[in-house]
Each structure stands twice: as structure tokens, then as C-alpha cells.
Amino acid sequence: MTDELSLAQRLLERATTVGAGAEVEVAVDHHRLALTRFANSAIHQNVADDIVGLRVTVHRDGRTASGSSTRVDDDGLQALVDRILAAVTVAPVDTGWPGLAPAAPTGTPAEVDPAAAGATPDERASIVAAFVEAAGGLETAGFCRTGHWSGAFVNSTGQEVTGERADVAVDGIARLDGADGVARAASGRLADLDGASLREVVPAQLVEELVEGEPVEQVAERGGG
């Protein structure tokens, strides 16, 4: 059982125990996002977010209320449930409530690259370093980002669904005399991103023709900047 599923089940149990007879659905989303930024051909920032979001919807006596929170401790879970159950008693009658989805089999989830899901600052720095080196001395800037989401959904009819995804992206520019070449790449696999290969995406003319002395304006007119 995933942590997200366990958390969702705890929330569902609290809501159905206190709100007897209610229809309840719970979603838990765990987002992990990390970003390595570079400018002047050097890394200057590495930041990361790790956030769990909870959302509960309750339909009771013909009325519907929803609420969300990022608190995952016991007091936070109870406060969320209590707030929604209090809100549903004064909510307007919901004549459009479609009912909860019944329990049903779910498909096989897509395979997630564990390297992308657990990418480290050093691994992002390696992608950046390869891009900077491949730029051949040009001034570079940009970022390398990795993300991982995992989540769970449960409801009071017995439906349970879990899933996850991971992604990696790099975005960089190479600059010379005011003209920029831009390269971007993204994938669900960490091994697919090679900073050095982005050198092929940055317009070759930006590197070759400017070095040979062609005026910047001529290169820019053809999309180099």
C-alpha cells in the first residue's frame, strides 16, 4: 500500500464515521518538484518543493461540500473532516449531484522511471554541466527540472485508485554578442536527457557563423535570436 493510499483511507474512515450516511470521496496528491538554475554558465540556485495535498468531497442529505488541506497530521485530518461536515449542513441543495463512481477494476499503471522520480541535485547538475561544456565557451543560462507525482483516490463505494508519474526537463540558451540559441528537451526518463546533445538543437549557425565573424543581425534574422 502506498503512503498516499493509506492517508486517503484514514481520511475516508474519519469522514464516514463522523458523517454517517454520507457519500464521501477523497483524493491525495503528493508533488515533489526540484529545480536547478544556472546563469553565466554556472549553477546559482537549487530549490525543491515537497507538498502533499488533500481534498475531500462529502454529499449528505442532498447537499455537497468540499475542502482541501496540506496538513497530514491527525489533528489536521480531523480539522479538515470537521470543517467539511459543518459546511455541508448549510450548503444549498445539490440537485445535480451525480452520485459516486462504483467500485470497478482499474488499468495497469504506466511504469515510472525510478531514476527520474528520485533524481538528485548532483544528477541535475551533471546535465547542466554537459550543456555548458558543449556550448564551447558561449555564455549559457537555463534550468534543469525534475518532478514526481504520486496520488490516491478512494470513495465510500469501495473504489480505490493509485498512480504516479515522473518527468525531467532541461531548458537552456547559449549567447554570443546579443544573439541567443535556445534548446529544450523533456522526457519521463532521466537517461533520455543528455545536456551535451542539446548542443545540436542550439542553431549551429549561432556558434559557427558568429565565431567566423558574421554580423549578429544576419543570424538573428534567420531565427538565431
C-alpha atoms as a PDB file:
ATOM      1  CA  MET A   1       0.000   0.000   0.000  1.00  0.00           C
ATOM      2  CA  THR A   2       1.323   3.448  -0.875  1.00  0.00           C
ATOM      3  CA  ASP A   3       1.587   6.242   1.682  1.00  0.00           C
ATOM      4  CA  GLU A   4      -0.952   8.245  -0.305  1.00  0.00           C
ATOM      5  CA  LEU A   5      -3.482   5.388  -0.299  1.00  0.00           C
ATOM      6  CA  SER A   6      -3.043   4.866   3.435  1.00  0.00           C
ATOM      7  CA  LEU A   7      -3.594   8.563   4.051  1.00  0.00           C
ATOM      8  CA  ALA A   8      -6.673   8.612   1.815  1.00  0.00           C
ATOM      9  CA  GLN A   9      -8.168   5.630   3.629  1.00  0.00           C
ATOM     10  CA  ARG A  10      -7.598   7.296   7.006  1.00  0.00           C
ATOM     11  CA  LEU A  11      -9.417  10.396   5.812  1.00  0.00           C
ATOM     12  CA  LEU A  12     -12.262   8.345   4.367  1.00  0.00           C
ATOM     13  CA  GLU A  13     -12.672   6.416   7.606  1.00  0.00           C
ATOM     14  CA  ARG A  14     -12.852   9.616   9.640  1.00  0.00           C
ATOM     15  CA  ALA A  15     -15.384  11.207   7.305  1.00  0.00           C
ATOM     16  CA  THR A  16     -17.701   8.187   7.090  1.00  0.00           C
ATOM     17  CA  THR A  17     -17.514   7.561  10.842  1.00  0.00           C
ATOM     18  CA  VAL A  18     -18.436  11.099  11.832  1.00  0.00           C
ATOM     19  CA  GLY A  19     -20.753  11.721   8.877  1.00  0.00           C
ATOM     20  CA  ALA A  20     -22.831   8.549   8.983  1.00  0.00           C
ATOM     21  CA  GLY A  21     -24.781   8.001   5.784  1.00  0.00           C
ATOM     22  CA  ALA A  22     -22.694  10.456   3.765  1.00  0.00           C
ATOM     23  CA  GLU A  23     -21.212   9.788   0.348  1.00  0.00           C
ATOM     24  CA  VAL A  24     -17.528  10.619   0.523  1.00  0.00           C
ATOM     25  CA  GLU A  25     -14.626  10.767  -1.894  1.00  0.00           C
ATOM     26  CA  VAL A  26     -11.005  11.562  -1.047  1.00  0.00           C
ATOM     27  CA  ALA A  27      -8.027  12.468  -3.232  1.00  0.00           C
ATOM     28  CA  VAL A  28      -4.419  12.700  -2.063  1.00  0.00           C
ATOM     29  CA  ASP A  29      -1.711  14.219  -4.253  1.00  0.00           C
ATOM     30  CA  HIS A  30       1.982  14.205  -3.396  1.00  0.00           C
ATOM     31  CA  HIS A  31       4.044  16.562  -5.560  1.00  0.00           C
ATOM     32  CA  ARG A  32       7.850  16.676  -5.472  1.00  0.00           C
ATOM     33  CA  LEU A  33       9.455  19.312  -7.670  1.00  0.00           C
ATOM     34  CA  ALA A  34      13.148  20.197  -7.827  1.00  0.00           C
ATOM     35  CA  LEU A  35      14.814  22.888  -9.921  1.00  0.00           C
ATOM     36  CA  THR A  36      18.453  23.639 -10.668  1.00  0.00           C
ATOM     37  CA  ARG A  37      19.011  27.049 -12.289  1.00  0.00           C
ATOM     38  CA  PHE A  38      22.159  28.286 -13.985  1.00  0.00           C
ATOM     39  CA  ALA A  39      23.266  31.636 -15.399  1.00  0.00           C
ATOM     40  CA  ASN A  40      26.582  32.977 -16.702  1.00  0.00           C
ATOM     41  CA  SER A  41      27.466  29.318 -17.295  1.00  0.00           C
ATOM     42  CA  ALA A  42      27.323  28.461 -13.575  1.00  0.00           C
ATOM     43  CA  ILE A  43      24.700  26.965 -11.266  1.00  0.00           C
ATOM     44  CA  HIS A  44      23.412  29.605  -8.875  1.00  0.00           C
ATOM     45  CA  GLN A  45      20.290  28.045  -7.341  1.00  0.00           C
ATOM     46  CA  ASN A  46      18.900  24.678  -6.360  1.00  0.00           C
ATOM     47  CA  VAL A  47      15.390  24.591  -4.882  1.00  0.00           C
ATOM     48  CA  ALA A  48      12.863  21.874  -4.089  1.00  0.00           C
ATOM     49  CA  ASP A  49       9.208  21.583  -3.048  1.00  0.00           C
ATOM     50  CA  ASP A  50       7.606  18.557  -1.414  1.00  0.00           C
ATOM     51  CA  ILE A  51       3.884  19.076  -0.879  1.00  0.00           C
ATOM     52  CA  VAL A  52       1.015  16.742  -0.009  1.00  0.00           C
ATOM     53  CA  GLY A  53      -2.452  17.997  -0.871  1.00  0.00           C
ATOM     54  CA  LEU A  54      -5.709  16.529   0.442  1.00  0.00           C
ATOM     55  CA  ARG A  55      -9.185  17.035  -0.984  1.00  0.00           C
ATOM     56  CA  VAL A  56     -12.415  15.641   0.432  1.00  0.00           C
ATOM     57  CA  THR A  57     -15.932  15.883  -1.004  1.00  0.00           C
ATOM     58  CA  VAL A  58     -18.978  14.971   1.085  1.00  0.00           C
ATOM     59  CA  HIS A  59     -22.590  14.601  -0.118  1.00  0.00           C
ATOM     60  CA  ARG A  60     -25.121  14.270   2.676  1.00  0.00           C
ATOM     61  CA  ASP A  61     -28.867  14.878   2.882  1.00  0.00           C
ATOM     62  CA  GLY A  62     -28.871  16.201  -0.675  1.00  0.00           C
ATOM     63  CA  ARG A  63     -26.129  18.743  -0.061  1.00  0.00           C
ATOM     64  CA  THR A  64     -22.498  18.789  -1.168  1.00  0.00           C
ATOM     65  CA  ALA A  65     -19.363  20.391   0.298  1.00  0.00           C
ATOM     66  CA  SER A  66     -15.665  20.067  -0.453  1.00  0.00           C
ATOM     67  CA  GLY A  67     -12.499  21.146   1.250  1.00  0.00           C
ATOM     68  CA  SER A  68      -8.756  20.836   0.954  1.00  0.00           C
ATOM     69  CA  SER A  69      -5.696  20.979   3.163  1.00  0.00           C
ATOM     70  CA  THR A  70      -1.961  20.326   3.241  1.00  0.00           C
ATOM     71  CA  ARG A  71      -1.886  19.184   6.856  1.00  0.00           C
ATOM     72  CA  VAL A  72      -1.346  15.425   7.176  1.00  0.00           C
ATOM     73  CA  ASP A  73      -1.087  15.038  10.956  1.00  0.00           C
ATOM     74  CA  ASP A  74      -4.029  13.577  12.896  1.00  0.00           C
ATOM     75  CA  ASP A  75      -5.242  16.977  14.098  1.00  0.00           C
ATOM     76  CA  GLY A  76      -5.065  18.317  10.540  1.00  0.00           C
ATOM     77  CA  LEU A  77      -7.055  15.404   9.129  1.00  0.00           C
ATOM     78  CA  GLN A  78      -9.743  15.765  11.773  1.00  0.00           C
ATOM     79  CA  ALA A  79      -9.943  19.526  11.294  1.00  0.00           C
ATOM     80  CA  LEU A  80     -10.490  19.052   7.552  1.00  0.00           C
ATOM     81  CA  VAL A  81     -13.259  16.494   8.088  1.00  0.00           C
ATOM     82  CA  ASP A  82     -14.962  18.607  10.747  1.00  0.00           C
ATOM     83  CA  ARG A  83     -14.855  21.711   8.536  1.00  0.00           C
ATOM     84  CA  ILE A  84     -16.429  19.941   5.574  1.00  0.00           C
ATOM     85  CA  LEU A  85     -19.129  18.235   7.630  1.00  0.00           C
ATOM     86  CA  ALA A  86     -20.030  21.585   9.152  1.00  0.00           C
ATOM     87  CA  ALA A  87     -20.152  23.193   5.714  1.00  0.00           C
ATOM     88  CA  VAL A  88     -22.369  20.511   4.185  1.00  0.00           C
ATOM     89  CA  THR A  89     -25.118  21.156   6.740  1.00  0.00           C
ATOM     90  CA  VAL A  90     -25.586  24.720   5.461  1.00  0.00           C
ATOM     91  CA  ALA A  91     -24.778  24.137   1.789  1.00  0.00           C
ATOM     92  CA  PRO A  92     -27.579  24.639  -0.764  1.00  0.00           C
ATOM     93  CA  VAL A  93     -29.393  21.576  -2.045  1.00  0.00           C
ATOM     94  CA  ASP A  94     -27.341  19.993  -4.837  1.00  0.00           C
ATOM     95  CA  THR A  95     -29.819  18.740  -7.411  1.00  0.00           C
ATOM     96  CA  GLY A  96     -27.033  17.977  -9.886  1.00  0.00           C
ATOM     97  CA  TRP A  97     -25.118  15.519  -7.701  1.00  0.00           C
ATOM     98  CA  PRO A  98     -24.377  12.536  -9.980  1.00  0.00           C
ATOM     99  CA  GLY A  99     -23.502  10.114  -7.222  1.00  0.00           C
ATOM    100  CA  LEU A 100     -20.201   8.369  -6.603  1.00  0.00           C
ATOM    101  CA  ALA A 101     -18.472   6.123  -9.079  1.00  0.00           C
ATOM    102  CA  PRO A 102     -18.976   2.473  -8.121  1.00  0.00           C
ATOM    103  CA  ALA A 103     -16.041   0.251  -7.347  1.00  0.00           C
ATOM    104  CA  ALA A 104     -14.539  -1.010 -10.611  1.00  0.00           C
ATOM    105  CA  PRO A 105     -11.287  -2.556 -11.831  1.00  0.00           C
ATOM    106  CA  THR A 106      -8.566  -0.129 -12.904  1.00  0.00           C
ATOM    107  CA  GLY A 107      -5.998  -0.484 -15.651  1.00  0.00           C
ATOM    108  CA  THR A 108      -2.357  -1.319 -15.145  1.00  0.00           C
ATOM    109  CA  PRO A 109      -0.469   1.886 -14.348  1.00  0.00           C
ATOM    110  CA  ALA A 110       2.354   3.005 -16.611  1.00  0.00           C
ATOM    111  CA  GLU A 111       5.865   2.194 -15.471  1.00  0.00           C
ATOM    112  CA  VAL A 112       7.695   5.111 -13.857  1.00  0.00           C
ATOM    113  CA  ASP A 113      11.450   5.602 -14.193  1.00  0.00           C
ATOM    114  CA  PRO A 114      12.828   5.426 -10.637  1.00  0.00           C
ATOM    115  CA  ALA A 115      15.863   7.486 -11.655  1.00  0.00           C
ATOM    116  CA  ALA A 116      13.609  10.338 -12.784  1.00  0.00           C
ATOM    117  CA  ALA A 117      11.420  10.028  -9.685  1.00  0.00           C
ATOM    118  CA  GLY A 118      14.400  10.166  -7.360  1.00  0.00           C
ATOM    119  CA  ALA A 119      16.759  12.448  -9.290  1.00  0.00           C
ATOM    120  CA  THR A 120      19.311  14.201  -7.098  1.00  0.00           C
ATOM    121  CA  PRO A 121      20.799  17.718  -7.272  1.00  0.00           C
ATOM    122  CA  ASP A 122      24.080  16.159  -8.452  1.00  0.00           C
ATOM    123  CA  GLU A 123      22.314  14.426 -11.357  1.00  0.00           C
ATOM    124  CA  ARG A 124      20.640  17.656 -12.434  1.00  0.00           C
ATOM    125  CA  ALA A 125      23.987  19.428 -12.110  1.00  0.00           C
ATOM    126  CA  SER A 126      25.581  16.843 -14.413  1.00  0.00           C
ATOM    127  CA  ILE A 127      23.010  17.587 -17.131  1.00  0.00           C
ATOM    128  CA  VAL A 128      23.670  21.308 -16.737  1.00  0.00           C
ATOM    129  CA  ALA A 129      27.437  20.811 -16.805  1.00  0.00           C
ATOM    130  CA  ALA A 130      27.232  18.803 -20.021  1.00  0.00           C
ATOM    131  CA  PHE A 131      25.205  21.561 -21.692  1.00  0.00           C
ATOM    132  CA  VAL A 132      27.596  24.285 -20.533  1.00  0.00           C
ATOM    133  CA  GLU A 133      30.626  22.336 -21.743  1.00  0.00           C
ATOM    134  CA  ALA A 134      29.027  21.526 -25.100  1.00  0.00           C
ATOM    135  CA  ALA A 135      28.321  25.222 -25.691  1.00  0.00           C
ATOM    136  CA  GLY A 136      32.031  25.642 -26.374  1.00  0.00           C
ATOM    137  CA  GLY A 137      32.658  28.668 -24.198  1.00  0.00           C
ATOM    138  CA  LEU A 138      29.481  30.586 -25.061  1.00  0.00           C
ATOM    139  CA  GLU A 139      27.617  32.199 -22.190  1.00  0.00           C
ATOM    140  CA  THR A 140      24.785  29.891 -21.089  1.00  0.00           C
ATOM    141  CA  ALA A 141      21.756  30.047 -18.819  1.00  0.00           C
ATOM    142  CA  GLY A 142      18.663  27.999 -18.091  1.00  0.00           C
ATOM    143  CA  PHE A 143      17.382  25.281 -15.783  1.00  0.00           C
ATOM    144  CA  CYS A 144      17.021  21.556 -15.261  1.00  0.00           C
ATOM    145  CA  ARG A 145      13.825  20.425 -13.555  1.00  0.00           C
ATOM    146  CA  THR A 146      12.701  17.073 -12.170  1.00  0.00           C
ATOM    147  CA  GLY A 147       9.255  16.222 -10.890  1.00  0.00           C
ATOM    148  CA  HIS A 148       7.457  13.290  -9.328  1.00  0.00           C
ATOM    149  CA  TRP A 149       3.755  12.958  -8.539  1.00  0.00           C
ATOM    150  CA  SER A 150       2.073  10.123  -6.693  1.00  0.00           C
ATOM    151  CA  GLY A 151      -1.532  10.016  -5.653  1.00  0.00           C
ATOM    152  CA  ALA A 152      -4.530   8.046  -4.495  1.00  0.00           C
ATOM    153  CA  PHE A 153      -8.306   8.254  -4.792  1.00  0.00           C
ATOM    154  CA  VAL A 154     -10.857   6.431  -2.658  1.00  0.00           C
ATOM    155  CA  ASN A 155     -14.569   6.742  -2.076  1.00  0.00           C
ATOM    156  CA  SER A 156     -17.233   5.282   0.163  1.00  0.00           C
ATOM    157  CA  THR A 157     -18.441   2.831  -2.512  1.00  0.00           C
ATOM    158  CA  GLY A 158     -15.113   0.991  -2.250  1.00  0.00           C
ATOM    159  CA  GLN A 159     -13.312   2.455  -5.262  1.00  0.00           C
ATOM    160  CA  GLU A 160      -9.522   2.741  -4.851  1.00  0.00           C
ATOM    161  CA  VAL A 161      -7.069   4.059  -7.429  1.00  0.00           C
ATOM    162  CA  THR A 162      -3.374   4.880  -7.156  1.00  0.00           C
ATOM    163  CA  GLY A 163      -0.915   6.265  -9.666  1.00  0.00           C
ATOM    164  CA  GLU A 164       2.323   8.111 -10.193  1.00  0.00           C
ATOM    165  CA  ARG A 165       4.352   9.845 -12.874  1.00  0.00           C
ATOM    166  CA  ALA A 166       7.811  11.370 -13.222  1.00  0.00           C
ATOM    167  CA  ASP A 167       9.279  13.892 -15.622  1.00  0.00           C
ATOM    168  CA  VAL A 168      12.578  15.586 -16.358  1.00  0.00           C
ATOM    169  CA  ALA A 169      13.131  18.744 -18.403  1.00  0.00           C
ATOM    170  CA  VAL A 170      16.023  20.973 -19.356  1.00  0.00           C
ATOM    171  CA  ASP A 171      15.826  24.416 -20.958  1.00  0.00           C
ATOM    172  CA  GLY A 172      18.968  26.323 -21.925  1.00  0.00           C
ATOM    173  CA  ILE A 173      20.251  29.177 -24.018  1.00  0.00           C
ATOM    174  CA  ALA A 174      23.680  29.867 -25.461  1.00  0.00           C
ATOM    175  CA  ARG A 175      24.534  33.515 -26.106  1.00  0.00           C
ATOM    176  CA  LEU A 176      27.120  35.398 -28.121  1.00  0.00           C
ATOM    177  CA  ASP A 177      27.145  39.117 -28.848  1.00  0.00           C
ATOM    178  CA  GLY A 178      23.452  39.512 -28.046  1.00  0.00           C
ATOM    179  CA  ALA A 179      22.179  36.571 -30.115  1.00  0.00           C
ATOM    180  CA  ASP A 180      20.629  33.568 -28.339  1.00  0.00           C
ATOM    181  CA  GLY A 181      20.193  29.951 -29.368  1.00  0.00           C
ATOM    182  CA  VAL A 182      17.561  28.020 -27.389  1.00  0.00           C
ATOM    183  CA  ALA A 183      17.373  24.300 -26.650  1.00  0.00           C
ATOM    184  CA  ARG A 184      14.665  22.405 -24.774  1.00  0.00           C
ATOM    185  CA  ALA A 185      14.074  18.753 -24.032  1.00  0.00           C
ATOM    186  CA  ALA A 186      11.784  16.752 -21.763  1.00  0.00           C
ATOM    187  CA  SER A 187      11.173  13.097 -21.001  1.00  0.00           C
ATOM    188  CA  GLY A 188       9.826  10.698 -18.441  1.00  0.00           C
ATOM    189  CA  ARG A 189      13.258   9.058 -18.183  1.00  0.00           C
ATOM    190  CA  LEU A 190      16.325  10.679 -16.677  1.00  0.00           C
ATOM    191  CA  ALA A 191      18.680   8.798 -19.017  1.00  0.00           C
ATOM    192  CA  ASP A 192      16.994  10.391 -22.045  1.00  0.00           C
ATOM    193  CA  LEU A 193      18.276  13.843 -21.155  1.00  0.00           C
ATOM    194  CA  ASP A 194      21.846  14.473 -22.226  1.00  0.00           C
ATOM    195  CA  GLY A 195      22.881  18.064 -21.795  1.00  0.00           C
ATOM    196  CA  ALA A 196      25.597  17.687 -24.415  1.00  0.00           C
ATOM    197  CA  SER A 197      23.111  16.547 -27.072  1.00  0.00           C
ATOM    198  CA  LEU A 198      21.235  19.830 -26.720  1.00  0.00           C
ATOM    199  CA  ARG A 199      24.195  21.433 -28.469  1.00  0.00           C
ATOM    200  CA  GLU A 200      22.730  20.004 -31.660  1.00  0.00           C
ATOM    201  CA  VAL A 201      19.440  21.795 -31.015  1.00  0.00           C
ATOM    202  CA  VAL A 202      21.001  25.210 -30.488  1.00  0.00           C
ATOM    203  CA  PRO A 203      21.292  26.583 -34.043  1.00  0.00           C
ATOM    204  CA  ALA A 204      24.725  25.622 -35.327  1.00  0.00           C
ATOM    205  CA  GLN A 205      24.962  28.939 -37.118  1.00  0.00           C
ATOM    206  CA  LEU A 206      24.913  30.739 -33.781  1.00  0.00           C
ATOM    207  CA  VAL A 207      28.141  29.036 -32.836  1.00  0.00           C
ATOM    208  CA  GLU A 208      29.825  28.609 -36.189  1.00  0.00           C
ATOM    209  CA  GLU A 209      28.960  31.776 -38.112  1.00  0.00           C
ATOM    210  CA  LEU A 210      29.266  34.208 -35.227  1.00  0.00           C
ATOM    211  CA  VAL A 211      32.642  32.801 -34.370  1.00  0.00           C
ATOM    212  CA  GLU A 212      33.606  33.307 -38.010  1.00  0.00           C
ATOM    213  CA  GLY A 213      32.559  36.937 -37.735  1.00  0.00           C
ATOM    214  CA  GLU A 214      29.161  37.123 -39.459  1.00  0.00           C
ATOM    215  CA  PRO A 215      27.131  40.110 -38.188  1.00  0.00           C
ATOM    216  CA  VAL A 216      24.754  39.267 -35.369  1.00  0.00           C
ATOM    217  CA  GLU A 217      21.806  40.853 -37.199  1.00  0.00           C
ATOM    218  CA  GLN A 218      22.076  38.404 -40.091  1.00  0.00           C
ATOM    219  CA  VAL A 219      21.984  35.391 -37.798  1.00  0.00           C
ATOM    220  CA  ALA A 220      19.119  36.833 -35.746  1.00  0.00           C
ATOM    221  CA  GLU A 221      17.024  37.321 -38.868  1.00  0.00           C
ATOM    222  CA  ARG A 222      17.236  33.582 -39.537  1.00  0.00           C
ATOM    223  CA  GLY A 223      15.997  32.690 -36.045  1.00  0.00           C
ATOM    224  CA  GLY A 224      19.203  32.678 -34.053  1.00  0.00           C
ATOM    225  CA  GLY A 225      17.968  35.323 -31.626  1.00  0.00           C
END
